[in-house]
N, C-alpha and C. Protein backbone atom coordinates (compact mmCIF):
# COMPACT_ATOMS: atom_id res chain seq x y z
N MET A 1 -10.20 0.89 -13.06
CA MET A 1 -10.27 2.31 -12.78
C MET A 1 -10.31 2.58 -11.28
N ARG A 2 -11.10 1.82 -10.54
CA ARG A 2 -11.16 2.04 -9.10
C ARG A 2 -9.82 1.76 -8.44
N PHE A 3 -9.15 0.72 -8.94
CA PHE A 3 -7.83 0.39 -8.40
C PHE A 3 -6.86 1.54 -8.59
N GLU A 4 -6.84 2.12 -9.78
CA GLU A 4 -5.93 3.24 -10.04
C GLU A 4 -6.24 4.42 -9.15
N THR A 5 -7.51 4.73 -8.97
CA THR A 5 -7.91 5.84 -8.11
C THR A 5 -7.49 5.58 -6.68
N LEU A 6 -7.77 4.39 -6.19
CA LEU A 6 -7.43 4.04 -4.81
C LEU A 6 -5.92 4.06 -4.60
N SER A 7 -5.19 3.47 -5.51
CA SER A 7 -3.74 3.40 -5.32
C SER A 7 -3.09 4.77 -5.42
N LYS A 8 -3.49 5.58 -6.39
CA LYS A 8 -2.86 6.88 -6.59
C LYS A 8 -3.23 7.88 -5.50
N SER A 9 -4.44 7.80 -4.99
CA SER A 9 -4.87 8.80 -4.01
C SER A 9 -4.64 8.38 -2.56
N LEU A 10 -4.51 7.10 -2.29
CA LEU A 10 -4.40 6.65 -0.90
C LEU A 10 -3.13 5.85 -0.63
N ILE A 11 -2.95 4.77 -1.34
CA ILE A 11 -1.89 3.83 -1.00
C ILE A 11 -0.50 4.35 -1.36
N VAL A 12 -0.31 4.80 -2.58
CA VAL A 12 1.02 5.24 -3.02
C VAL A 12 1.55 6.41 -2.18
N PRO A 13 0.77 7.45 -1.89
CA PRO A 13 1.31 8.52 -1.05
C PRO A 13 1.79 8.04 0.32
N VAL A 14 1.04 7.12 0.92
CA VAL A 14 1.44 6.57 2.23
C VAL A 14 2.74 5.79 2.09
N LEU A 15 2.82 4.94 1.07
CA LEU A 15 4.02 4.13 0.88
C LEU A 15 5.23 4.99 0.53
N GLU A 16 5.05 6.01 -0.26
CA GLU A 16 6.15 6.90 -0.62
C GLU A 16 6.69 7.64 0.61
N LYS A 17 5.80 8.05 1.49
CA LYS A 17 6.23 8.72 2.73
C LYS A 17 7.04 7.76 3.60
N LEU A 18 6.56 6.54 3.75
CA LEU A 18 7.27 5.54 4.55
C LEU A 18 8.60 5.15 3.90
N LEU A 19 8.64 5.13 2.59
CA LEU A 19 9.88 4.85 1.86
C LEU A 19 10.90 5.96 2.11
N ALA A 20 10.44 7.21 2.08
CA ALA A 20 11.33 8.35 2.29
C ALA A 20 11.91 8.39 3.70
N ASP A 21 11.12 7.99 4.69
CA ASP A 21 11.65 8.05 6.06
C ASP A 21 12.34 6.75 6.50
N GLY A 22 12.43 5.77 5.59
CA GLY A 22 13.18 4.55 5.89
C GLY A 22 12.39 3.48 6.63
N SER A 23 11.10 3.69 6.82
CA SER A 23 10.29 2.68 7.51
C SER A 23 10.12 1.43 6.65
N ILE A 24 10.07 1.63 5.32
CA ILE A 24 10.08 0.51 4.39
C ILE A 24 11.20 0.75 3.39
N ILE A 25 11.68 -0.34 2.77
CA ILE A 25 12.77 -0.17 1.82
C ILE A 25 12.35 -0.48 0.39
N GLU A 26 11.16 -1.05 0.21
CA GLU A 26 10.65 -1.33 -1.12
C GLU A 26 9.17 -1.65 -1.04
N TYR A 27 8.44 -1.32 -2.11
CA TYR A 27 7.04 -1.74 -2.19
C TYR A 27 6.68 -2.00 -3.64
N GLU A 28 5.63 -2.77 -3.82
CA GLU A 28 5.12 -3.07 -5.15
C GLU A 28 3.62 -3.31 -5.03
N ILE A 29 2.87 -2.81 -5.98
CA ILE A 29 1.43 -3.04 -6.02
C ILE A 29 1.17 -3.91 -7.24
N ASP A 30 0.58 -5.08 -7.02
CA ASP A 30 0.39 -6.06 -8.08
C ASP A 30 -1.08 -6.32 -8.36
N THR A 31 -1.37 -6.56 -9.61
CA THR A 31 -2.68 -7.05 -10.04
C THR A 31 -2.44 -8.28 -10.92
N GLU A 32 -3.47 -9.04 -11.13
CA GLU A 32 -3.33 -10.24 -11.96
C GLU A 32 -3.52 -9.90 -13.44
N ALA A 33 -2.66 -10.45 -14.27
CA ALA A 33 -2.83 -10.32 -15.72
C ALA A 33 -3.92 -11.28 -16.19
N ILE A 34 -3.92 -12.48 -15.62
CA ILE A 34 -4.95 -13.47 -15.90
C ILE A 34 -5.69 -13.70 -14.59
N HIS A 35 -6.96 -13.35 -14.56
CA HIS A 35 -7.71 -13.35 -13.31
C HIS A 35 -8.11 -14.75 -12.86
N THR A 36 -7.45 -15.21 -11.79
CA THR A 36 -7.86 -16.44 -11.12
C THR A 36 -8.53 -16.11 -9.79
N GLU A 37 -8.41 -14.86 -9.37
CA GLU A 37 -9.10 -14.34 -8.19
C GLU A 37 -10.22 -13.41 -8.68
N ALA A 38 -10.96 -12.86 -7.75
CA ALA A 38 -12.03 -11.93 -8.11
C ALA A 38 -11.44 -10.73 -8.85
N PRO A 39 -12.10 -10.27 -9.91
CA PRO A 39 -11.62 -9.07 -10.60
C PRO A 39 -11.55 -7.90 -9.63
N GLY A 40 -10.55 -7.09 -9.77
CA GLY A 40 -10.37 -5.96 -8.87
C GLY A 40 -9.47 -6.28 -7.68
N THR A 41 -9.06 -7.53 -7.54
CA THR A 41 -8.17 -7.91 -6.45
C THR A 41 -6.77 -7.38 -6.74
N PHE A 42 -6.13 -6.85 -5.71
CA PHE A 42 -4.75 -6.42 -5.86
C PHE A 42 -4.00 -6.71 -4.57
N TRP A 43 -2.68 -6.74 -4.67
CA TRP A 43 -1.83 -7.03 -3.53
C TRP A 43 -0.82 -5.91 -3.38
N VAL A 44 -0.50 -5.60 -2.12
CA VAL A 44 0.56 -4.64 -1.83
C VAL A 44 1.67 -5.42 -1.14
N ASP A 45 2.82 -5.50 -1.79
CA ASP A 45 3.98 -6.19 -1.23
C ASP A 45 4.93 -5.14 -0.68
N VAL A 46 5.40 -5.36 0.54
CA VAL A 46 6.26 -4.39 1.20
C VAL A 46 7.44 -5.11 1.84
N ILE A 47 8.60 -4.50 1.74
CA ILE A 47 9.77 -5.00 2.46
C ILE A 47 10.16 -3.93 3.48
N SER A 48 10.30 -4.35 4.70
CA SER A 48 10.64 -3.45 5.79
C SER A 48 11.93 -3.92 6.45
N PRO A 49 12.75 -3.00 6.93
CA PRO A 49 13.99 -3.41 7.57
C PRO A 49 13.78 -4.07 8.93
N ASN A 50 12.60 -3.83 9.54
CA ASN A 50 12.33 -4.42 10.85
C ASN A 50 10.82 -4.38 11.13
N ALA A 51 10.43 -4.95 12.25
CA ALA A 51 9.01 -5.02 12.60
C ALA A 51 8.41 -3.64 12.86
N ASP A 52 9.21 -2.70 13.34
CA ASP A 52 8.70 -1.35 13.58
C ASP A 52 8.19 -0.71 12.29
N GLY A 53 8.87 -0.99 11.19
CA GLY A 53 8.44 -0.47 9.90
C GLY A 53 7.07 -0.99 9.51
N LEU A 54 6.82 -2.25 9.78
CA LEU A 54 5.50 -2.83 9.49
C LEU A 54 4.43 -2.23 10.39
N ASP A 55 4.78 -1.98 11.65
CA ASP A 55 3.83 -1.34 12.55
C ASP A 55 3.48 0.06 12.05
N LYS A 56 4.50 0.81 11.59
CA LYS A 56 4.26 2.15 11.05
C LYS A 56 3.40 2.08 9.79
N LEU A 57 3.64 1.09 8.95
CA LEU A 57 2.85 0.91 7.73
C LEU A 57 1.39 0.67 8.08
N ASN A 58 1.12 -0.27 8.97
CA ASN A 58 -0.26 -0.58 9.36
C ASN A 58 -0.95 0.63 9.96
N ALA A 59 -0.26 1.37 10.81
CA ALA A 59 -0.85 2.56 11.43
C ALA A 59 -1.14 3.64 10.37
N ALA A 60 -0.21 3.83 9.45
CA ALA A 60 -0.39 4.86 8.42
C ALA A 60 -1.55 4.51 7.49
N LEU A 61 -1.69 3.24 7.12
CA LEU A 61 -2.80 2.84 6.26
C LEU A 61 -4.14 2.96 6.99
N ARG A 62 -4.16 2.61 8.28
CA ARG A 62 -5.40 2.78 9.07
C ARG A 62 -5.79 4.25 9.14
N ASP A 63 -4.82 5.12 9.40
CA ASP A 63 -5.11 6.56 9.49
C ASP A 63 -5.58 7.10 8.16
N ALA A 64 -4.96 6.68 7.07
CA ALA A 64 -5.37 7.15 5.74
C ALA A 64 -6.78 6.68 5.41
N ALA A 65 -7.11 5.47 5.77
CA ALA A 65 -8.45 4.93 5.48
C ALA A 65 -9.53 5.68 6.26
N LYS A 66 -9.21 6.17 7.45
CA LYS A 66 -10.17 6.93 8.25
C LYS A 66 -10.52 8.26 7.60
N ARG A 67 -9.61 8.80 6.79
CA ARG A 67 -9.82 10.09 6.16
C ARG A 67 -10.68 10.01 4.90
N ILE A 68 -10.97 8.78 4.44
CA ILE A 68 -11.77 8.61 3.23
C ILE A 68 -13.26 8.69 3.58
N PRO A 69 -13.99 9.51 2.88
CA PRO A 69 -15.44 9.60 3.18
C PRO A 69 -16.18 8.34 2.77
């Protein structure tokens, strides 16, 4: 439940904005079906056309995280 809330309210909107402006060309949010890591662990996989896209991604996620109470 926390993962869904976090991804829908924070991560996905940021990634969709970056996808729309071409900073990234694909993303995927993964969780484990069989938990070999701590429960609640998830990964965000991103493909960017260049290093600038990754810099924009990192900056956008930092800014979004600052807005969370």
